[in-house]
Amino acid sequence: MFIISLTYKTSLENVERFIPEHNDFLDQHYTAGNFIASGRKEPRIGGIILANAGSKNEVEEIIRKDPFLYSSGSGL
């Protein structure tokens, strides 16, 4: 199991534009059995995902496809 800690590096306004795509990303990985739980941080500065994966490399590969990763324009 892995804990993925997301921290926003852009405005909440920009983050909110990517919420529908991010939710689709989460749903895809819940269905595949990759994610166990997720939620926002309070204050709203990011989120947490509990992932069920075989390796850190597998988790990194999954997270590279998260639309939030690119919402700041910085990628990885």
PDB file of N, CA and C in Angstrom:
ATOM      1  N   MET A   1       0.843  -1.165   0.000  1.00  0.00           N
ATOM      2  CA  MET A   1       0.000   0.000   0.000  1.00  0.00           C
ATOM      3  C   MET A   1       0.895   1.237   0.000  1.00  0.00           C
ATOM      4  N   PHE A   2       0.460   2.274  -0.707  1.00  0.00           N
ATOM      5  CA  PHE A   2       1.195   3.523  -0.812  1.00  0.00           C
ATOM      6  C   PHE A   2       0.273   4.688  -0.468  1.00  0.00           C
ATOM      7  N   ILE A   3       0.837   5.713   0.149  1.00  0.00           N
ATOM      8  CA  ILE A   3       0.115   6.956   0.418  1.00  0.00           C
ATOM      9  C   ILE A   3       0.650   8.002  -0.547  1.00  0.00           C
ATOM     10  N   ILE A   4      -0.258   8.543  -1.354  1.00  0.00           N
ATOM     11  CA  ILE A   4       0.100   9.578  -2.313  1.00  0.00           C
ATOM     12  C   ILE A   4      -0.415  10.896  -1.756  1.00  0.00           C
ATOM     13  N   SER A   5       0.484  11.828  -1.527  1.00  0.00           N
ATOM     14  CA  SER A   5       0.121  13.139  -0.996  1.00  0.00           C
ATOM     15  C   SER A   5       0.235  14.171  -2.112  1.00  0.00           C
ATOM     16  N   LEU A   6      -0.904  14.739  -2.502  1.00  0.00           N
ATOM     17  CA  LEU A   6      -0.941  15.750  -3.554  1.00  0.00           C
ATOM     18  C   LEU A   6      -0.934  17.129  -2.920  1.00  0.00           C
ATOM     19  N   THR A   7      -0.134  18.035  -3.449  1.00  0.00           N
ATOM     20  CA  THR A   7      -0.116  19.423  -2.997  1.00  0.00           C
ATOM     21  C   THR A   7      -0.286  20.312  -4.220  1.00  0.00           C
ATOM     22  N   TYR A   8      -1.311  21.177  -4.178  1.00  0.00           N
ATOM     23  CA  TYR A   8      -1.563  22.075  -5.298  1.00  0.00           C
ATOM     24  C   TYR A   8      -0.440  23.088  -5.423  1.00  0.00           C
ATOM     25  N   LYS A   9       0.009  23.320  -6.660  1.00  0.00           N
ATOM     26  CA  LYS A   9       1.044  24.302  -6.946  1.00  0.00           C
ATOM     27  C   LYS A   9       0.512  25.384  -7.876  1.00  0.00           C
ATOM     28  N   THR A  10      -0.801  25.548  -7.859  1.00  0.00           N
ATOM     29  CA  THR A  10      -1.470  26.543  -8.672  1.00  0.00           C
ATOM     30  C   THR A  10      -2.698  27.008  -7.898  1.00  0.00           C
ATOM     31  N   SER A  11      -3.415  27.964  -8.425  1.00  0.00           N
ATOM     32  CA  SER A  11      -4.590  28.501  -7.743  1.00  0.00           C
ATOM     33  C   SER A  11      -5.717  27.468  -7.698  1.00  0.00           C
ATOM     34  N   LEU A  12      -6.571  27.581  -6.677  1.00  0.00           N
ATOM     35  CA  LEU A  12      -7.743  26.695  -6.600  1.00  0.00           C
ATOM     36  C   LEU A  12      -8.638  26.866  -7.817  1.00  0.00           C
ATOM     37  N   GLU A  13      -8.705  28.073  -8.330  1.00  0.00           N
ATOM     38  CA  GLU A  13      -9.498  28.323  -9.540  1.00  0.00           C
ATOM     39  C   GLU A  13      -9.008  27.443 -10.688  1.00  0.00           C
ATOM     40  N   ASN A  14      -7.714  27.355 -10.869  1.00  0.00           N
ATOM     41  CA  ASN A  14      -7.147  26.516 -11.927  1.00  0.00           C
ATOM     42  C   ASN A  14      -7.363  25.035 -11.617  1.00  0.00           C
ATOM     43  N   VAL A  15      -7.186  24.636 -10.359  1.00  0.00           N
ATOM     44  CA  VAL A  15      -7.390  23.246  -9.952  1.00  0.00           C
ATOM     45  C   VAL A  15      -8.825  22.815 -10.259  1.00  0.00           C
ATOM     46  N   GLU A  16      -9.787  23.673  -9.950  1.00  0.00           N
ATOM     47  CA  GLU A  16     -11.199  23.321 -10.124  1.00  0.00           C
ATOM     48  C   GLU A  16     -11.548  23.038 -11.576  1.00  0.00           C
ATOM     49  N   ARG A  17     -10.826  23.620 -12.513  1.00  0.00           N
ATOM     50  CA  ARG A  17     -11.062  23.331 -13.936  1.00  0.00           C
ATOM     51  C   ARG A  17     -10.792  21.868 -14.268  1.00  0.00           C
ATOM     52  N   PHE A  18      -9.929  21.215 -13.472  1.00  0.00           N
ATOM     53  CA  PHE A  18      -9.510  19.840 -13.749  1.00  0.00           C
ATOM     54  C   PHE A  18     -10.247  18.801 -12.900  1.00  0.00           C
ATOM     55  N   ILE A  19     -11.171  19.232 -12.041  1.00  0.00           N
ATOM     56  CA  ILE A  19     -11.855  18.294 -11.150  1.00  0.00           C
ATOM     57  C   ILE A  19     -12.612  17.196 -11.911  1.00  0.00           C
ATOM     58  N   PRO A  20     -13.398  17.513 -12.954  1.00  0.00           N
ATOM     59  CA  PRO A  20     -14.101  16.419 -13.652  1.00  0.00           C
ATOM     60  C   PRO A  20     -13.145  15.352 -14.198  1.00  0.00           C
ATOM     61  N   GLU A  21     -12.045  15.783 -14.809  1.00  0.00           N
ATOM     62  CA  GLU A  21     -11.082  14.830 -15.347  1.00  0.00           C
ATOM     63  C   GLU A  21     -10.385  14.060 -14.232  1.00  0.00           C
ATOM     64  N   HIS A  22     -10.079  14.749 -13.135  1.00  0.00           N
ATOM     65  CA  HIS A  22      -9.443  14.080 -11.994  1.00  0.00           C
ATOM     66  C   HIS A  22     -10.383  13.037 -11.401  1.00  0.00           C
ATOM     67  N   ASN A  23     -11.676  13.368 -11.283  1.00  0.00           N
ATOM     68  CA  ASN A  23     -12.645  12.404 -10.756  1.00  0.00           C
ATOM     69  C   ASN A  23     -12.769  11.186 -11.670  1.00  0.00           C
ATOM     70  N   ASP A  24     -12.724  11.395 -12.976  1.00  0.00           N
ATOM     71  CA  ASP A  24     -12.728  10.257 -13.916  1.00  0.00           C
ATOM     72  C   ASP A  24     -11.493   9.392 -13.707  1.00  0.00           C
ATOM     73  N   PHE A  25     -10.345  10.029 -13.519  1.00  0.00           N
ATOM     74  CA  PHE A  25      -9.090   9.330 -13.238  1.00  0.00           C
ATOM     75  C   PHE A  25      -9.226   8.484 -11.972  1.00  0.00           C
ATOM     76  N   LEU A  26      -9.777   9.081 -10.893  1.00  0.00           N
ATOM     77  CA  LEU A  26      -9.977   8.338  -9.645  1.00  0.00           C
ATOM     78  C   LEU A  26     -10.907   7.148  -9.872  1.00  0.00           C
ATOM     79  N   ASP A  27     -12.044   7.379 -10.535  1.00  0.00           N
ATOM     80  CA  ASP A  27     -13.010   6.302 -10.782  1.00  0.00           C
ATOM     81  C   ASP A  27     -12.372   5.147 -11.538  1.00  0.00           C
ATOM     82  N   GLN A  28     -11.575   5.472 -12.543  1.00  0.00           N
ATOM     83  CA  GLN A  28     -10.895   4.442 -13.342  1.00  0.00           C
ATOM     84  C   GLN A  28     -10.017   3.566 -12.445  1.00  0.00           C
ATOM     85  N   HIS A  29      -9.302   4.188 -11.534  1.00  0.00           N
ATOM     86  CA  HIS A  29      -8.363   3.431 -10.707  1.00  0.00           C
ATOM     87  C   HIS A  29      -9.035   2.752  -9.513  1.00  0.00           C
ATOM     88  N   TYR A  30     -10.174   3.278  -9.054  1.00  0.00           N
ATOM     89  CA  TYR A  30     -10.965   2.532  -8.066  1.00  0.00           C
ATOM     90  C   TYR A  30     -11.501   1.257  -8.712  1.00  0.00           C
ATOM     91  N   THR A  31     -12.027   1.382  -9.927  1.00  0.00           N
ATOM     92  CA  THR A  31     -12.564   0.224 -10.647  1.00  0.00           C
ATOM     93  C   THR A  31     -11.489  -0.820 -10.902  1.00  0.00           C
ATOM     94  N   ALA A  32     -10.286  -0.377 -11.225  1.00  0.00           N
ATOM     95  CA  ALA A  32      -9.173  -1.296 -11.488  1.00  0.00           C
ATOM     96  C   ALA A  32      -8.592  -1.894 -10.207  1.00  0.00           C
ATOM     97  N   GLY A  33      -9.021  -1.382  -9.048  1.00  0.00           N
ATOM     98  CA  GLY A  33      -8.510  -1.883  -7.776  1.00  0.00           C
ATOM     99  C   GLY A  33      -7.207  -1.249  -7.335  1.00  0.00           C
ATOM    100  N   ASN A  34      -6.797  -0.174  -8.030  1.00  0.00           N
ATOM    101  CA  ASN A  34      -5.544   0.491  -7.688  1.00  0.00           C
ATOM    102  C   ASN A  34      -5.666   1.443  -6.505  1.00  0.00           C
ATOM    103  N   PHE A  35      -6.857   2.018  -6.314  1.00  0.00           N
ATOM    104  CA  PHE A  35      -7.052   2.986  -5.242  1.00  0.00           C
ATOM    105  C   PHE A  35      -8.000   2.413  -4.203  1.00  0.00           C
ATOM    106  N   ILE A  36      -7.683   2.680  -2.933  1.00  0.00           N
ATOM    107  CA  ILE A  36      -8.464   2.189  -1.801  1.00  0.00           C
ATOM    108  C   ILE A  36      -9.333   3.296  -1.224  1.00  0.00           C
ATOM    109  N   ALA A  37      -8.770   4.505  -1.099  1.00  0.00           N
ATOM    110  CA  ALA A  37      -9.481   5.657  -0.548  1.00  0.00           C
ATOM    111  C   ALA A  37      -8.794   6.928  -1.027  1.00  0.00           C
ATOM    112  N   SER A  38      -9.548   8.030  -1.009  1.00  0.00           N
ATOM    113  CA  SER A  38      -8.976   9.322  -1.386  1.00  0.00           C
ATOM    114  C   SER A  38      -9.820  10.431  -0.788  1.00  0.00           C
ATOM    115  N   GLY A  39      -9.230  11.624  -0.709  1.00  0.00           N
ATOM    116  CA  GLY A  39      -9.978  12.765  -0.206  1.00  0.00           C
ATOM    117  C   GLY A  39      -9.135  14.020  -0.204  1.00  0.00           C
ATOM    118  N   ARG A  40      -9.829  15.145   0.015  1.00  0.00           N
ATOM    119  CA  ARG A  40      -9.177  16.452   0.068  1.00  0.00           C
ATOM    120  C   ARG A  40      -8.464  16.655   1.389  1.00  0.00           C
ATOM    121  N   LYS A  41      -7.425  17.476   1.359  1.00  0.00           N
ATOM    122  CA  LYS A  41      -6.787  17.940   2.587  1.00  0.00           C
ATOM    123  C   LYS A  41      -7.566  19.158   3.082  1.00  0.00           C
ATOM    124  N   GLU A  42      -7.540  19.382   4.370  1.00  0.00           N
ATOM    125  CA  GLU A  42      -8.107  20.581   4.980  1.00  0.00           C
ATOM    126  C   GLU A  42      -7.014  21.266   5.760  1.00  0.00           C
ATOM    127  N   PRO A  43      -6.673  22.501   5.467  1.00  0.00           N
ATOM    128  CA  PRO A  43      -7.303  23.347   4.465  1.00  0.00           C
ATOM    129  C   PRO A  43      -7.072  22.776   3.066  1.00  0.00           C
ATOM    130  N   ARG A  44      -7.807  23.285   2.109  1.00  0.00           N
ATOM    131  CA  ARG A  44      -7.816  22.730   0.758  1.00  0.00           C
ATOM    132  C   ARG A  44      -6.537  23.100  -0.001  1.00  0.00           C
ATOM    133  N   ILE A  45      -5.495  22.347   0.302  1.00  0.00           N
ATOM    134  CA  ILE A  45      -4.191  22.582  -0.324  1.00  0.00           C
ATOM    135  C   ILE A  45      -3.737  21.391  -1.161  1.00  0.00           C
ATOM    136  N   GLY A  46      -4.590  20.372  -1.273  1.00  0.00           N
ATOM    137  CA  GLY A  46      -4.234  19.172  -2.017  1.00  0.00           C
ATOM    138  C   GLY A  46      -5.119  18.022  -1.609  1.00  0.00           C
ATOM    139  N   GLY A  47      -4.606  16.807  -1.710  1.00  0.00           N
ATOM    140  CA  GLY A  47      -5.378  15.619  -1.368  1.00  0.00           C
ATOM    141  C   GLY A  47      -4.476  14.445  -1.044  1.00  0.00           C
ATOM    142  N   ILE A  48      -5.133  13.359  -0.648  1.00  0.00           N
ATOM    143  CA  ILE A  48      -4.443  12.115  -0.304  1.00  0.00           C
ATOM    144  C   ILE A  48      -5.112  10.973  -1.067  1.00  0.00           C
ATOM    145  N   ILE A  49      -4.317  10.052  -1.566  1.00  0.00           N
ATOM    146  CA  ILE A  49      -4.822   8.835  -2.201  1.00  0.00           C
ATOM    147  C   ILE A  49      -4.106   7.652  -1.562  1.00  0.00           C
ATOM    148  N   LEU A  50      -4.861   6.654  -1.128  1.00  0.00           N
ATOM    149  CA  LEU A  50      -4.276   5.383  -0.687  1.00  0.00           C
ATOM    150  C   LEU A  50      -4.313   4.447  -1.883  1.00  0.00           C
ATOM    151  N   ALA A  51      -3.156   3.970  -2.283  1.00  0.00           N
ATOM    152  CA  ALA A  51      -3.053   3.146  -3.485  1.00  0.00           C
ATOM    153  C   ALA A  51      -2.592   1.739  -3.143  1.00  0.00           C
ATOM    154  N   ASN A  52      -3.150   0.791  -3.853  1.00  0.00           N
ATOM    155  CA  ASN A  52      -2.771  -0.608  -3.750  1.00  0.00           C
ATOM    156  C   ASN A  52      -1.989  -0.944  -5.025  1.00  0.00           C
ATOM    157  N   ALA A  53      -0.670  -0.987  -4.905  1.00  0.00           N
ATOM    158  CA  ALA A  53       0.166  -1.240  -6.075  1.00  0.00           C
ATOM    159  C   ALA A  53       1.331  -2.131  -5.678  1.00  0.00           C
ATOM    160  N   GLY A  54       1.924  -2.767  -6.667  1.00  0.00           N
ATOM    161  CA  GLY A  54       3.021  -3.691  -6.411  1.00  0.00           C
ATOM    162  C   GLY A  54       4.364  -3.030  -6.197  1.00  0.00           C
ATOM    163  N   SER A  55       4.495  -1.771  -6.661  1.00  0.00           N
ATOM    164  CA  SER A  55       5.785  -1.101  -6.536  1.00  0.00           C
ATOM    165  C   SER A  55       5.610   0.405  -6.622  1.00  0.00           C
ATOM    166  N   LYS A  56       6.634   1.112  -6.181  1.00  0.00           N
ATOM    167  CA  LYS A  56       6.648   2.573  -6.288  1.00  0.00           C
ATOM    168  C   LYS A  56       6.597   2.986  -7.756  1.00  0.00           C
ATOM    169  N   ASN A  57       7.290   2.258  -8.613  1.00  0.00           N
ATOM    170  CA  ASN A  57       7.272   2.568 -10.047  1.00  0.00           C
ATOM    171  C   ASN A  57       5.864   2.472 -10.620  1.00  0.00           C
ATOM    172  N   GLU A  58       5.091   1.488 -10.176  1.00  0.00           N
ATOM    173  CA  GLU A  58       3.714   1.344 -10.642  1.00  0.00           C
ATOM    174  C   GLU A  58       2.878   2.547 -10.211  1.00  0.00           C
ATOM    175  N   VAL A  59       3.052   2.982  -8.970  1.00  0.00           N
ATOM    176  CA  VAL A  59       2.327   4.160  -8.471  1.00  0.00           C
ATOM    177  C   VAL A  59       2.717   5.396  -9.276  1.00  0.00           C
ATOM    178  N   GLU A  60       3.999   5.588  -9.519  1.00  0.00           N
ATOM    179  CA  GLU A  60       4.458   6.741 -10.292  1.00  0.00           C
ATOM    180  C   GLU A  60       3.880   6.735 -11.704  1.00  0.00           C
ATOM    181  N   GLU A  61       3.796   5.563 -12.308  1.00  0.00           N
ATOM    182  CA  GLU A  61       3.215   5.451 -13.650  1.00  0.00           C
ATOM    183  C   GLU A  61       1.740   5.849 -13.635  1.00  0.00           C
ATOM    184  N   ILE A  62       1.016   5.415 -12.628  1.00  0.00           N
ATOM    185  CA  ILE A  62      -0.402   5.769 -12.500  1.00  0.00           C
ATOM    186  C   ILE A  62      -0.554   7.275 -12.319  1.00  0.00           C
ATOM    187  N   ILE A  63       0.207   7.865 -11.412  1.00  0.00           N
ATOM    188  CA  ILE A  63       0.072   9.283 -11.088  1.00  0.00           C
ATOM    189  C   ILE A  63       0.457  10.178 -12.261  1.00  0.00           C
ATOM    190  N   ARG A  64       1.339   9.720 -13.122  1.00  0.00           N
ATOM    191  CA  ARG A  64       1.695  10.510 -14.310  1.00  0.00           C
ATOM    192  C   ARG A  64       0.475  10.794 -15.188  1.00  0.00           C
ATOM    193  N   LYS A  65      -0.591  10.025 -15.023  1.00  0.00           N
ATOM    194  CA  LYS A  65      -1.796  10.198 -15.838  1.00  0.00           C
ATOM    195  C   LYS A  65      -2.873  11.028 -15.138  1.00  0.00           C
ATOM    196  N   ASP A  66      -2.594  11.511 -13.936  1.00  0.00           N
ATOM    197  CA  ASP A  66      -3.560  12.324 -13.197  1.00  0.00           C
ATOM    198  C   ASP A  66      -3.632  13.715 -13.820  1.00  0.00           C
ATOM    199  N   PRO A  67      -4.811  14.168 -14.254  1.00  0.00           N
ATOM    200  CA  PRO A  67      -4.943  15.515 -14.828  1.00  0.00           C
ATOM    201  C   PRO A  67      -4.473  16.626 -13.889  1.00  0.00           C
ATOM    202  N   PHE A  68      -4.552  16.422 -12.579  1.00  0.00           N
ATOM    203  CA  PHE A  68      -4.066  17.436 -11.645  1.00  0.00           C
ATOM    204  C   PHE A  68      -2.567  17.670 -11.794  1.00  0.00           C
ATOM    205  N   LEU A  69      -1.841  16.675 -12.236  1.00  0.00           N
ATOM    206  CA  LEU A  69      -0.402  16.790 -12.381  1.00  0.00           C
ATOM    207  C   LEU A  69      -0.049  17.913 -13.342  1.00  0.00           C
ATOM    208  N   TYR A  70      -0.877  18.113 -14.349  1.00  0.00           N
ATOM    209  CA  TYR A  70      -0.592  19.084 -15.380  1.00  0.00           C
ATOM    210  C   TYR A  70      -1.363  20.389 -15.206  1.00  0.00           C
ATOM    211  N   SER A  71      -2.219  20.473 -14.163  1.00  0.00           N
ATOM    212  CA  SER A  71      -3.015  21.687 -13.963  1.00  0.00           C
ATOM    213  C   SER A  71      -2.143  22.886 -13.628  1.00  0.00           C
ATOM    214  N   SER A  72      -0.959  22.645 -13.094  1.00  0.00           N
ATOM    215  CA  SER A  72      -0.068  23.756 -12.762  1.00  0.00           C
ATOM    216  C   SER A  72       0.840  24.110 -13.941  1.00  0.00           C
ATOM    217  N   GLY A  73       0.773  23.308 -14.995  1.00  0.00           N
ATOM    218  CA  GLY A  73       1.627  23.548 -16.151  1.00  0.00           C
ATOM    219  C   GLY A  73       3.042  23.058 -15.974  1.00  0.00           C
ATOM    220  N   SER A  74       3.293  22.368 -14.855  1.00  0.00           N
ATOM    221  CA  SER A  74       4.678  21.956 -14.587  1.00  0.00           C
ATOM    222  C   SER A  74       4.949  20.488 -14.822  1.00  0.00           C
ATOM    223  N   GLY A  75       3.887  19.673 -14.964  1.00  0.00           N
ATOM    224  CA  GLY A  75       4.121  18.250 -15.114  1.00  0.00           C
ATOM    225  C   GLY A  75       4.795  17.681 -13.886  1.00  0.00           C
ATOM    226  N   LEU A  76       5.600  16.656 -14.047  1.00  0.00           N
ATOM    227  CA  LEU A  76       6.308  16.069 -12.916  1.00  0.00           C
ATOM    228  C   LEU A  76       7.326  17.050 -12.406  1.00  0.00           C
TER     229      LEU A  76
END
